[in-house]
Amino acid sequence: MQMPSFPVAAVQMNSQPDLDRNMEEAYRWIARAARAGATLTGLPEHFAFLGDEDERVRQADRISEVVEDLLPKWAREFDAYLLGGGYPTRAEGGRVYNRAILVDPEGRTVARYDKLHLFDVELSERESYRESDRVVAGSDPPPVHEAEGLARIGLSICYDVRFPELYRGLAAQGAGLLCVPSAFTRPTGRAHWETLLRARAIENSAYVIAPAQTGRHGTTRETYGHAMIVDPWGGILADAGTKPGVILGQIDMAKLRDIRTRLPALRHRVLT
């Protein structure tokens, strides 16, 4: 039986190339969210390490070991779902997967997703990214988890948000809460972040929770911030601005069902 309404939290971090420091910060925000009653708290992409890309790959084994040890412990401690929004796990050829996991209140990893769409872009002569140089794309579509008493939760990571067919697939599996943990760049964030999140919410009649990175990381990378929680009508329930912190929003399952009944676009699809 689903709860009619429940609070969720999105964490905004300024992660650095320092695993221990980042995990301590993540714990503080998760604890604050738990004190506010959050039943699910999401951490952003690269929450455990953000800075030099080669160093992140070199430390991947330790990063994944620490993340997969601590998140289940914290989930049990706070009796809440935790979303680890993206961290490196070892892959073939000296590269890594960019993996998100969902951990339930009993500390079980109930869903995992390796990022499908890799961020290979040239934003300007001075700013370009080649995620595929170090990351192997996942081979499986993102999962939907039935969180007992809450909602069906669909996973994705950052650049995925530009590919609406991924979210339509999640919605077709019944997802009512779409997770978009991210580390959006400042240029793309200013131009597209809010628009993309609201579009994914509106076109799928779903809530969107988007934890984010903010500020400067290491010596070169800078992210946009503005972690958000968006409702199925496209309304922004919470926006974290540009400082690290945690935001909360109420997921109202009655509202979700009402919107999907009054505006049944998902049932009106002709092309699939």
Protein backbone atom coordinates (compact mmCIF):
# COMPACT_ATOMS: atom_id res chain seq x y z
CA MET A 1 0.00 0.00 0.00
CA GLN A 2 1.42 3.36 -1.04
CA MET A 3 1.64 6.30 1.34
CA PRO A 4 -0.45 9.24 0.10
CA SER A 5 2.44 11.65 0.65
CA PHE A 6 6.06 11.44 1.76
CA PRO A 7 9.11 13.76 1.90
CA VAL A 8 12.25 13.26 -0.19
CA ALA A 9 15.55 15.13 -0.12
CA ALA A 10 18.13 16.12 -2.73
CA VAL A 11 21.67 16.88 -1.58
CA GLN A 12 23.82 19.53 -3.24
CA MET A 13 27.57 19.07 -2.76
CA ASN A 14 30.85 20.70 -3.60
CA SER A 15 32.78 17.45 -3.86
CA GLN A 16 36.57 17.55 -4.18
CA PRO A 17 39.29 15.01 -5.05
CA ASP A 18 39.20 13.86 -1.41
CA LEU A 19 37.16 10.74 -0.70
CA ASP A 20 37.13 10.96 3.10
CA ARG A 21 36.15 14.63 3.15
CA ASN A 22 33.36 14.05 0.63
CA MET A 23 31.88 11.10 2.49
CA GLU A 24 31.90 13.05 5.76
CA GLU A 25 30.02 15.87 4.03
CA ALA A 26 27.55 13.43 2.47
CA TYR A 27 26.83 11.93 5.89
CA ARG A 28 26.13 15.36 7.40
CA TRP A 29 23.57 16.19 4.71
CA ILE A 30 21.94 12.75 4.89
CA ALA A 31 21.64 13.13 8.66
CA ARG A 32 20.06 16.56 8.27
CA ALA A 33 17.59 15.21 5.71
CA ALA A 34 16.71 12.34 8.03
CA ARG A 35 16.04 14.74 10.90
CA ALA A 36 13.64 16.57 8.59
CA GLY A 37 11.81 13.30 7.92
CA ALA A 38 13.08 12.38 4.43
CA THR A 39 12.18 8.85 3.41
CA LEU A 40 14.58 9.00 0.45
CA THR A 41 17.72 11.13 0.14
CA GLY A 42 19.65 11.45 -3.12
CA LEU A 43 23.34 12.23 -3.49
CA PRO A 44 24.64 13.80 -6.73
CA GLU A 45 26.83 12.35 -9.43
CA HIS A 46 30.49 12.08 -8.35
CA PHE A 47 29.53 12.65 -4.71
CA ALA A 48 32.50 10.61 -3.48
CA PHE A 49 35.21 12.14 -5.70
CA LEU A 50 35.22 15.04 -8.15
CA GLY A 51 38.39 16.53 -9.55
CA ASP A 52 41.23 15.01 -11.55
CA GLU A 53 39.69 12.35 -13.80
CA ASP A 54 42.75 10.11 -13.98
CA GLU A 55 43.06 10.12 -10.20
CA ARG A 56 39.39 9.17 -9.88
CA VAL A 57 40.03 6.12 -12.06
CA ARG A 58 43.17 5.20 -10.10
CA GLN A 59 41.21 5.34 -6.84
CA ALA A 60 38.12 3.60 -8.21
CA ASP A 61 38.55 0.40 -6.19
CA ARG A 62 38.83 2.26 -2.90
CA ILE A 63 36.02 4.67 -3.78
CA SER A 64 33.58 1.90 -4.66
CA GLU A 65 34.55 -0.12 -1.59
CA VAL A 66 33.93 2.84 0.74
CA VAL A 67 30.65 3.84 -0.94
CA GLU A 68 29.28 0.29 -0.94
CA ASP A 69 30.23 -0.12 2.72
CA LEU A 70 28.93 3.20 4.07
CA LEU A 71 25.68 3.78 2.17
CA PRO A 72 24.03 0.56 3.45
CA LYS A 73 25.13 1.42 7.00
CA TRP A 74 23.70 4.92 6.72
CA ALA A 75 20.45 3.66 5.19
CA ARG A 76 19.97 1.35 8.18
CA GLU A 77 20.97 4.08 10.63
CA PHE A 78 18.44 6.56 9.28
CA ASP A 79 15.80 4.03 8.18
CA ALA A 80 15.60 5.62 4.73
CA TYR A 81 16.28 4.96 1.08
CA LEU A 82 19.58 6.39 -0.15
CA LEU A 83 20.52 7.13 -3.75
CA GLY A 84 24.24 7.07 -4.48
CA GLY A 85 24.08 9.20 -7.59
CA GLY A 86 27.22 8.15 -9.42
CA TYR A 87 30.62 6.75 -8.43
CA PRO A 88 33.36 4.81 -10.25
CA THR A 89 33.47 1.03 -10.24
CA ARG A 90 36.15 -0.94 -12.05
CA ALA A 91 35.52 -2.00 -15.65
CA GLU A 92 37.65 -3.56 -18.37
CA GLY A 93 40.57 -1.91 -20.13
CA GLY A 94 41.63 0.29 -17.23
CA ARG A 95 38.35 2.22 -17.30
CA VAL A 96 35.39 2.41 -14.94
CA TYR A 97 31.62 2.39 -14.94
CA ASN A 98 29.78 5.44 -13.64
CA ARG A 99 27.32 3.68 -11.34
CA ALA A 100 24.28 4.78 -9.36
CA ILE A 101 22.78 2.60 -6.65
CA LEU A 102 19.58 2.69 -4.62
CA VAL A 103 19.84 1.29 -1.10
CA ASP A 104 16.73 0.45 0.93
CA PRO A 105 16.23 1.11 4.67
CA GLU A 106 17.46 -2.39 5.49
CA GLY A 107 20.77 -1.67 3.77
CA ARG A 108 20.10 -3.77 0.68
CA THR A 109 21.15 -2.50 -2.74
CA VAL A 110 17.84 -2.86 -4.54
CA ALA A 111 18.77 -1.21 -7.85
CA ARG A 112 21.97 -0.35 -9.68
CA TYR A 113 22.54 1.45 -12.95
CA ASP A 114 25.66 2.05 -15.05
CA LYS A 115 25.37 5.31 -16.98
CA LEU A 116 24.41 4.75 -20.62
CA HIS A 117 25.02 8.16 -22.19
CA LEU A 118 28.58 9.41 -21.83
CA PHE A 119 29.40 13.12 -21.81
CA ASP A 120 31.66 13.62 -24.85
CA VAL A 121 31.20 17.29 -25.75
CA GLU A 122 33.13 20.38 -26.78
CA LEU A 123 31.51 23.38 -25.11
CA SER A 124 34.19 25.85 -26.20
CA GLU A 125 37.84 25.98 -27.21
CA ARG A 126 38.74 25.96 -23.51
CA GLU A 127 36.14 23.57 -22.12
CA SER A 128 35.61 20.06 -23.44
CA TYR A 129 34.86 16.66 -21.90
CA ARG A 130 35.52 13.08 -23.03
CA GLU A 131 33.87 10.87 -20.45
CA SER A 132 34.32 7.84 -22.71
CA ASP A 133 38.11 8.11 -22.38
CA ARG A 134 37.81 6.75 -18.84
CA VAL A 135 34.26 5.41 -18.53
CA VAL A 136 32.59 2.38 -20.12
CA ALA A 137 28.93 2.88 -20.99
CA GLY A 138 26.47 0.57 -19.30
CA SER A 139 24.79 -2.17 -21.31
CA ASP A 140 21.44 -2.44 -19.48
CA PRO A 141 18.53 0.03 -19.46
CA PRO A 142 17.99 1.89 -16.21
CA PRO A 143 15.91 0.03 -13.63
CA VAL A 144 12.67 0.87 -11.85
CA HIS A 145 12.38 -0.16 -8.22
CA GLU A 146 9.08 -0.57 -6.39
CA ALA A 147 9.81 1.11 -3.06
CA GLU A 148 7.29 -0.50 -0.76
CA GLY A 149 4.84 2.04 0.60
CA LEU A 150 6.34 4.88 -1.42
CA ALA A 151 6.56 4.92 -5.22
CA ARG A 152 8.16 3.29 -8.21
CA ILE A 153 11.59 4.90 -8.54
CA GLY A 154 13.49 5.16 -11.82
CA LEU A 155 17.25 5.72 -12.03
CA SER A 156 19.33 7.81 -14.42
CA ILE A 157 22.51 9.92 -14.28
CA CYS A 158 23.18 13.50 -15.44
CA TYR A 159 23.69 13.57 -19.25
CA ASP A 160 20.89 11.01 -19.58
CA VAL A 161 18.46 13.88 -19.02
CA ARG A 162 18.95 14.94 -22.65
CA PHE A 163 17.52 11.65 -23.91
CA PRO A 164 13.74 11.66 -23.33
CA GLU A 165 13.27 8.11 -24.58
CA LEU A 166 15.14 6.84 -21.51
CA TYR A 167 12.59 8.47 -19.21
CA ARG A 168 9.65 7.37 -21.32
CA GLY A 169 10.93 3.84 -20.80
CA LEU A 170 10.99 4.39 -17.04
CA ALA A 171 7.48 5.86 -17.10
CA ALA A 172 6.25 2.91 -19.17
CA GLN A 173 7.40 0.70 -16.30
CA GLY A 174 5.29 2.75 -13.92
CA ALA A 175 7.93 5.05 -12.46
CA GLY A 176 6.38 8.01 -10.65
CA LEU A 177 9.65 9.36 -9.24
CA LEU A 178 12.56 9.93 -11.64
CA CYS A 179 16.06 10.39 -10.19
CA VAL A 180 18.53 12.61 -12.08
CA PRO A 181 21.70 12.93 -9.92
CA SER A 182 24.04 15.26 -11.76
CA ALA A 183 27.22 17.30 -12.02
CA PHE A 184 26.07 19.74 -14.72
CA THR A 185 28.62 22.21 -16.09
CA ARG A 186 27.96 25.90 -15.56
CA PRO A 187 27.42 26.74 -19.28
CA THR A 188 24.99 23.89 -19.93
CA GLY A 189 23.34 24.36 -16.56
CA ARG A 190 22.57 28.02 -17.15
CA ALA A 191 21.11 27.23 -20.55
CA HIS A 192 19.28 23.94 -20.10
CA TRP A 193 19.16 22.45 -16.58
CA GLU A 194 15.79 23.72 -15.36
CA THR A 195 14.17 23.34 -18.76
CA LEU A 196 15.26 19.72 -19.13
CA LEU A 197 14.18 18.70 -15.63
CA ARG A 198 10.76 20.32 -15.99
CA ALA A 199 10.31 18.77 -19.44
CA ARG A 200 11.10 15.26 -18.15
CA ALA A 201 8.59 15.78 -15.32
CA ILE A 202 5.83 17.16 -17.54
CA GLU A 203 6.10 14.73 -20.44
CA ASN A 204 6.13 11.71 -18.12
CA SER A 205 3.67 13.05 -15.51
CA ALA A 206 6.23 12.22 -12.84
CA TYR A 207 8.14 13.76 -9.96
CA VAL A 208 11.82 14.47 -10.59
CA ILE A 209 14.48 14.58 -7.89
CA ALA A 210 17.79 16.01 -9.11
CA PRO A 211 20.69 16.15 -6.61
CA ALA A 212 23.54 18.29 -7.96
CA GLN A 213 27.13 19.40 -7.67
CA THR A 214 27.98 23.08 -7.28
CA GLY A 215 31.03 25.33 -7.45
CA ARG A 216 34.65 24.59 -8.31
CA HIS A 217 36.10 21.09 -7.95
CA GLY A 218 39.84 20.68 -7.89
CA THR A 219 41.57 23.17 -10.17
CA THR A 220 39.56 23.12 -13.39
CA ARG A 221 36.00 21.81 -13.17
CA GLU A 222 33.05 24.01 -12.23
CA THR A 223 29.42 22.94 -11.84
CA TYR A 224 26.12 24.77 -11.90
CA GLY A 225 24.30 23.78 -8.72
CA HIS A 226 20.53 24.27 -8.45
CA ALA A 227 19.60 20.81 -7.20
CA MET A 228 15.85 20.59 -7.75
CA ILE A 229 12.71 18.70 -6.95
CA VAL A 230 10.01 19.09 -9.61
CA ASP A 231 6.38 17.98 -9.53
CA PRO A 232 4.45 16.25 -12.36
CA TRP A 233 2.92 19.56 -13.49
CA GLY A 234 6.40 21.03 -13.96
CA GLY A 235 6.31 23.08 -10.77
CA ILE A 236 9.58 23.54 -8.90
CA LEU A 237 9.05 22.36 -5.32
CA ALA A 238 12.59 23.21 -4.20
CA ASP A 239 15.77 24.74 -5.69
CA ALA A 240 19.08 24.62 -3.79
CA GLY A 241 20.63 27.66 -5.49
CA THR A 242 24.41 27.58 -5.67
CA LYS A 243 25.52 26.66 -2.14
CA PRO A 244 26.00 23.15 -0.74
CA GLY A 245 23.02 21.96 1.24
CA VAL A 246 19.93 19.80 1.20
CA ILE A 247 16.42 20.54 -0.09
CA LEU A 248 13.19 18.72 0.65
CA GLY A 249 9.99 18.24 -1.30
CA GLN A 250 6.75 16.38 -0.72
CA ILE A 251 5.86 13.55 -3.09
CA ASP A 252 2.07 13.47 -3.28
CA MET A 253 0.92 10.21 -4.85
CA ALA A 254 -2.71 11.36 -4.96
CA LYS A 255 -1.63 14.39 -6.99
CA LEU A 256 0.40 12.15 -9.29
CA ARG A 257 -2.58 9.87 -9.93
CA ASP A 258 -4.90 12.85 -10.42
CA ILE A 259 -2.63 14.41 -13.07
CA ARG A 260 -2.22 11.10 -14.89
CA THR A 261 -6.01 10.68 -14.87
CA ARG A 262 -6.97 14.19 -15.96
CA LEU A 263 -4.19 14.49 -18.57
CA PRO A 264 -3.52 10.88 -19.65
CA ALA A 265 -0.77 11.63 -22.15
CA LEU A 266 1.06 8.42 -21.31
CA ARG A 267 -1.99 6.43 -22.45
CA HIS A 268 -2.44 8.55 -25.58
CA ARG A 269 0.92 7.61 -27.06
CA VAL A 270 0.77 6.53 -30.70
CA LEU A 271 4.49 6.07 -31.42
CA THR A 272 6.40 3.79 -29.06
